[in-house]
Amino acid sequence: MYAGRQYRLKIETGDQDESVKLRGRFIVVTTIDKFNAKQLLGEWYIRNAKIKLTKIAQPLIQSFKRRNVFPTEIVFRDMATRWGSCTAKVKIILNPELITAPKGGIEYVIIHELCYLIHHDHTQKFIDLQTKEMPRREKWKEKLEKLLA
């Protein structure tokens, strides 16, 4: 999975540079040694997660500035059971595996964390704010829960 779409993994061996590329319906890993493929793919996911998730987060963060919410940083960390979290130091932490989700799912997680910076619990005020910012939040929450399972 990548960006909400399923791709077939294709591993090619070669004596040139090692790389990972999207090619049609495939994620193609080119490697000198097939045993490197898993590591190369993992590094590719993390690089792309940092770029794409940050790009999706920026306009959402800008829109929350009107609510006096200013996250200091976006951090990427592997988390076994979460897509995201935030800290008391106003950092948003995102699981790089979130890159496997569709854009709407990524936006759901980021909005969830931004709302949490305003309401530090999951009270009705939190849910109301989240629903106001993303009216179809339940749909995306369900999709993400299926991906995480």
Protein backbone atom coordinates (compact mmCIF):
# COMPACT_ATOMS: atom_id res chain seq x y z
CA MET A 1 0.00 0.00 0.00
CA TYR A 2 1.13 3.52 -0.78
CA ALA A 3 -1.00 6.69 -0.63
CA GLY A 4 -4.18 4.63 -0.36
CA ARG A 5 -3.47 2.44 -3.37
CA GLN A 6 -2.27 -1.10 -3.57
CA TYR A 7 0.83 -1.78 -5.64
CA ARG A 8 2.60 -4.98 -6.52
CA LEU A 9 6.16 -5.24 -5.29
CA LYS A 10 8.74 -6.08 -7.93
CA ILE A 11 12.35 -6.74 -6.96
CA GLU A 12 14.95 -6.47 -9.69
CA THR A 13 18.62 -7.21 -9.30
CA GLY A 14 21.22 -5.20 -11.10
CA ASP A 15 24.78 -4.04 -10.81
CA GLN A 16 23.91 -0.34 -10.89
CA ASP A 17 22.57 2.08 -8.29
CA GLU A 18 20.03 0.75 -5.84
CA SER A 19 16.66 2.49 -6.00
CA VAL A 20 12.95 2.31 -5.28
CA LYS A 21 10.49 3.77 -7.79
CA LEU A 22 6.80 3.80 -8.54
CA ARG A 23 6.29 2.39 -12.01
CA GLY A 24 2.66 1.97 -13.07
CA ARG A 25 1.02 -0.53 -10.71
CA PHE A 26 4.36 -1.57 -9.24
CA ILE A 27 6.79 -0.45 -6.58
CA VAL A 28 10.07 -1.50 -8.15
CA VAL A 29 13.07 -2.11 -5.92
CA THR A 30 16.32 -2.34 -7.85
CA THR A 31 19.13 -3.76 -5.78
CA ILE A 32 22.50 -5.44 -6.10
CA ASP A 33 21.51 -7.99 -3.42
CA LYS A 34 17.88 -9.09 -2.90
CA PHE A 35 18.51 -9.17 0.85
CA ASN A 36 18.73 -5.34 0.78
CA ALA A 37 15.23 -4.94 -0.70
CA LYS A 38 13.35 -4.72 2.60
CA GLN A 39 15.70 -2.08 3.99
CA LEU A 40 15.62 -0.06 0.76
CA LEU A 41 11.82 -0.14 0.69
CA GLY A 42 11.61 0.91 4.36
CA GLU A 43 13.94 3.86 3.79
CA TRP A 44 11.94 4.87 0.71
CA TYR A 45 8.69 4.83 2.71
CA ILE A 46 10.20 7.01 5.44
CA ARG A 47 11.66 9.54 2.97
CA ASN A 48 8.37 9.82 1.12
CA ALA A 49 6.37 9.98 4.36
CA LYS A 50 8.39 12.94 5.59
CA ILE A 51 7.90 14.82 2.33
CA LYS A 52 4.25 14.01 1.60
CA LEU A 53 2.88 14.08 5.15
CA THR A 54 4.56 17.42 5.83
CA LYS A 55 3.12 18.81 2.59
CA ILE A 56 -0.39 17.67 3.58
CA ALA A 57 0.04 18.98 7.14
CA GLN A 58 1.16 22.52 6.31
CA PRO A 59 -2.17 23.95 5.07
CA LEU A 60 -4.01 22.26 7.94
CA ILE A 61 -1.60 23.76 10.45
CA GLN A 62 -2.04 27.17 8.80
CA SER A 63 -5.82 26.89 9.12
CA PHE A 64 -5.54 26.11 12.86
CA LYS A 65 -3.48 29.25 13.49
CA ARG A 66 -6.78 31.15 13.61
CA ARG A 67 -7.46 29.08 16.75
CA ASN A 68 -4.06 30.03 18.23
CA VAL A 69 -2.64 26.56 17.68
CA PHE A 70 1.00 26.58 16.63
CA PRO A 71 2.66 23.15 16.59
CA THR A 72 6.40 23.62 17.00
CA GLU A 73 7.44 20.59 14.99
CA ILE A 74 6.31 17.51 13.11
CA VAL A 75 8.21 14.43 14.20
CA PHE A 76 8.13 11.00 12.54
CA ARG A 77 8.30 7.93 14.76
CA ASP A 78 7.31 4.31 14.30
CA MET A 79 4.36 3.51 16.55
CA ALA A 80 2.89 0.02 16.73
CA THR A 81 -0.69 0.98 17.55
CA ARG A 82 -1.09 4.65 16.61
CA TRP A 83 -1.11 6.79 13.51
CA GLY A 84 -0.25 9.95 15.41
CA SER A 85 0.03 11.70 18.75
CA CYS A 86 1.11 15.03 20.19
CA THR A 87 3.20 16.18 23.11
CA ALA A 88 2.89 18.76 25.84
CA LYS A 89 5.65 20.66 24.01
CA VAL A 90 3.18 21.10 21.11
CA LYS A 91 4.90 18.66 18.76
CA ILE A 92 2.87 16.49 16.42
CA ILE A 93 4.19 12.96 16.05
CA LEU A 94 3.20 11.01 12.94
CA ASN A 95 3.74 7.34 12.21
CA PRO A 96 5.58 7.12 8.86
CA GLU A 97 3.34 4.16 7.95
CA LEU A 98 0.57 6.72 7.57
CA ILE A 99 1.94 7.14 4.03
CA THR A 100 0.08 3.93 3.16
CA ALA A 101 -3.26 5.67 3.80
CA PRO A 102 -5.25 7.82 1.37
CA LYS A 103 -4.93 11.60 1.67
CA GLY A 104 -8.24 11.90 3.55
CA GLY A 105 -6.98 9.49 6.19
CA ILE A 106 -3.76 11.44 6.59
CA GLU A 107 -5.75 14.67 6.96
CA TYR A 108 -7.95 12.98 9.57
CA VAL A 109 -4.94 12.09 11.74
CA ILE A 110 -3.39 15.55 11.46
CA ILE A 111 -6.69 17.29 12.24
CA HIS A 112 -7.20 14.92 15.17
CA GLU A 113 -3.84 15.92 16.63
CA LEU A 114 -4.42 19.63 16.00
CA CYS A 115 -7.80 19.40 17.77
CA TYR A 116 -6.08 17.63 20.65
CA LEU A 117 -3.79 20.62 21.07
CA ILE A 118 -6.93 22.67 21.81
CA HIS A 119 -8.95 20.13 23.82
CA HIS A 120 -6.57 17.79 25.65
CA ASP A 121 -9.10 14.99 25.95
CA HIS A 122 -11.73 13.28 23.82
CA THR A 123 -14.72 15.16 25.21
CA GLN A 124 -17.69 16.28 23.16
CA LYS A 125 -15.98 19.65 22.56
CA PHE A 126 -13.07 17.80 20.97
CA ILE A 127 -15.38 15.69 18.79
CA ASP A 128 -17.43 18.75 17.79
CA LEU A 129 -14.31 20.66 16.74
CA GLN A 130 -12.98 17.69 14.82
CA THR A 131 -16.32 17.25 13.04
CA LYS A 132 -16.43 20.96 12.19
CA GLU A 133 -12.92 20.78 10.70
CA MET A 134 -13.58 17.48 8.90
CA PRO A 135 -17.27 16.65 8.48
CA ARG A 136 -16.55 13.14 7.09
CA ARG A 137 -14.19 12.23 9.93
CA GLU A 138 -16.04 9.01 10.85
CA LYS A 139 -15.55 7.63 7.34
CA TRP A 140 -11.81 8.24 7.49
CA LYS A 141 -11.51 6.93 11.03
CA GLU A 142 -13.10 3.64 9.96
CA LYS A 143 -10.83 3.34 6.90
CA LEU A 144 -7.74 3.90 9.04
CA GLU A 145 -8.85 1.38 11.63
CA LYS A 146 -9.11 -1.24 8.86
CA LEU A 147 -5.61 -0.38 7.63
CA LEU A 148 -4.10 -0.63 11.13
CA ALA A 149 -5.77 -3.96 11.89
